[in-house]
Amino acid sequence: MSTAFESIKRGLQEAIEHAEGHPAPGTRIRRPRPVDVKALRAKVGMTQEQFAARFGFSTATLRHWERGDRTPHGPALVLLNVILRHPWKTKFRGNHHSDGRQFFGPSGVLFRLMRLG
């Protein structure tokens, strides 16, 4: 068998073990911390509409998070943690690539924040 096949097979076996609760030795598992969305929005000094538009959330979703009806997860939770730790990065100019294409949703905005360094 090829080296590539063996590597893929080994990776899949590790993924299965990890999913079953047996991660490989030395594996670091990082989970984003929960965020008080309402307090975070107040910290950066934005209205719900401004915050939602700036970071690619719907206003309705933001309201649900702030009321506690729902909890952010996935890329949205990662983005909220980045905003919490680096609020000065929220001052970037717009959600657009240099050629005018728009970054869509939390993943696109997170990408933009990461590019700012």
Protein backbone atom coordinates (compact mmCIF):
# COMPACT_ATOMS: atom_id res chain seq x y z
CA MET A 1 0.00 0.00 0.00
CA SER A 2 1.08 3.56 -0.61
CA THR A 3 2.44 5.85 2.08
CA ALA A 4 -0.45 8.26 1.43
CA PHE A 5 -2.98 5.48 2.00
CA GLU A 6 -1.30 4.43 5.26
CA SER A 7 -1.24 8.03 6.46
CA ILE A 8 -4.93 8.53 5.67
CA LYS A 9 -5.80 5.20 7.30
CA ARG A 10 -3.85 6.11 10.44
CA GLY A 11 -5.54 9.52 10.55
CA LEU A 12 -9.00 7.98 10.25
CA GLN A 13 -8.23 5.47 13.00
CA GLU A 14 -7.08 8.34 15.26
CA ALA A 15 -10.26 10.28 14.45
CA ILE A 16 -12.42 7.29 15.36
CA GLU A 17 -10.54 6.78 18.63
CA HIS A 18 -10.86 10.49 19.40
CA ALA A 19 -14.62 10.42 18.71
CA GLU A 20 -14.95 7.44 21.04
CA GLY A 21 -13.26 9.40 23.82
CA HIS A 22 -9.75 8.02 23.45
CA PRO A 23 -7.61 10.80 21.93
CA ALA A 24 -4.01 10.06 20.99
CA PRO A 25 -1.41 10.83 23.68
CA GLY A 26 -0.31 14.46 23.61
CA THR A 27 -3.49 15.64 21.88
CA ARG A 28 -4.65 19.07 23.02
CA ILE A 29 -8.37 19.64 23.01
CA ARG A 30 -9.35 23.29 22.94
CA ARG A 31 -12.93 24.28 23.47
CA PRO A 32 -14.00 27.91 23.25
CA ARG A 33 -15.30 29.33 26.49
CA PRO A 34 -18.91 30.45 26.83
CA VAL A 35 -19.38 34.18 26.22
CA ASP A 36 -21.85 36.63 27.77
CA VAL A 37 -22.90 38.07 24.42
CA LYS A 38 -24.84 41.02 25.84
CA ALA A 39 -21.89 42.10 28.03
CA LEU A 40 -19.50 41.67 25.10
CA ARG A 41 -21.65 43.81 22.82
CA ALA A 42 -21.82 46.50 25.51
CA LYS A 43 -18.03 46.31 25.94
CA VAL A 44 -17.44 47.11 22.27
CA GLY A 45 -20.13 49.82 22.39
CA MET A 46 -22.40 48.67 19.58
CA THR A 47 -26.15 48.33 19.20
CA GLN A 48 -27.57 44.90 18.41
CA GLU A 49 -27.98 45.92 14.78
CA GLN A 50 -24.40 47.22 14.50
CA PHE A 51 -22.90 44.17 16.22
CA ALA A 52 -24.92 41.74 14.10
CA ALA A 53 -24.02 43.51 10.85
CA ARG A 54 -20.34 43.91 11.72
CA PHE A 55 -19.78 40.25 12.57
CA GLY A 56 -22.20 38.49 10.23
CA PHE A 57 -24.86 37.36 12.70
CA SER A 58 -28.56 37.86 12.20
CA THR A 59 -30.11 40.31 14.64
CA ALA A 60 -32.65 37.65 15.64
CA THR A 61 -29.88 35.18 16.51
CA LEU A 62 -28.08 37.84 18.54
CA ARG A 63 -31.29 38.57 20.47
CA HIS A 64 -31.77 34.86 21.22
CA TRP A 65 -28.20 34.65 22.55
CA GLU A 66 -28.64 37.73 24.71
CA ARG A 67 -31.93 36.44 26.20
CA GLY A 68 -30.39 33.03 26.83
CA ASP A 69 -32.85 31.19 24.57
CA ARG A 70 -29.95 29.84 22.54
CA THR A 71 -26.21 29.48 22.98
CA PRO A 72 -23.61 30.32 20.34
CA HIS A 73 -21.52 27.39 19.10
CA GLY A 74 -19.07 26.47 16.36
CA PRO A 75 -17.46 29.31 14.37
CA ALA A 76 -19.76 31.88 16.00
CA LEU A 77 -18.50 30.98 19.48
CA VAL A 78 -14.89 31.08 18.28
CA LEU A 79 -15.48 34.53 16.77
CA LEU A 80 -17.10 35.81 19.97
CA ASN A 81 -14.07 34.63 21.95
CA VAL A 82 -11.73 36.45 19.54
CA ILE A 83 -13.78 39.64 19.92
CA LEU A 84 -13.72 39.23 23.71
CA ARG A 85 -9.94 38.85 23.83
CA HIS A 86 -9.08 41.41 21.14
CA PRO A 87 -11.82 44.06 21.05
CA TRP A 88 -9.54 46.53 19.24
CA LYS A 89 -9.63 44.25 16.20
CA THR A 90 -13.34 44.95 15.87
CA LYS A 91 -12.47 48.34 14.41
CA PHE A 92 -11.48 46.97 10.97
CA ARG A 93 -13.02 48.75 8.01
CA GLY A 94 -15.88 46.66 6.70
CA ASN A 95 -16.44 43.03 5.86
CA HIS A 96 -14.96 43.08 2.36
CA HIS A 97 -12.00 41.65 0.48
CA SER A 98 -9.72 44.19 -1.21
CA ASP A 99 -11.50 43.44 -4.52
CA GLY A 100 -14.91 44.32 -3.03
CA ARG A 101 -16.26 40.80 -2.45
CA GLN A 102 -17.98 40.52 0.92
CA PHE A 103 -17.00 38.15 3.74
CA PHE A 104 -20.15 36.29 4.72
CA GLY A 105 -21.04 35.08 8.20
CA PRO A 106 -18.93 34.48 11.28
CA SER A 107 -16.38 32.31 9.44
CA GLY A 108 -15.67 35.05 6.90
CA VAL A 109 -15.38 37.71 9.58
CA LEU A 110 -13.11 35.44 11.65
CA PHE A 111 -10.90 35.01 8.59
CA ARG A 112 -10.75 38.80 8.21
CA LEU A 113 -9.80 39.28 11.87
CA MET A 114 -7.06 36.64 11.59
CA ARG A 115 -5.59 38.43 8.57
CA LEU A 116 -5.27 41.61 10.65
CA GLY A 117 -2.82 39.81 12.91
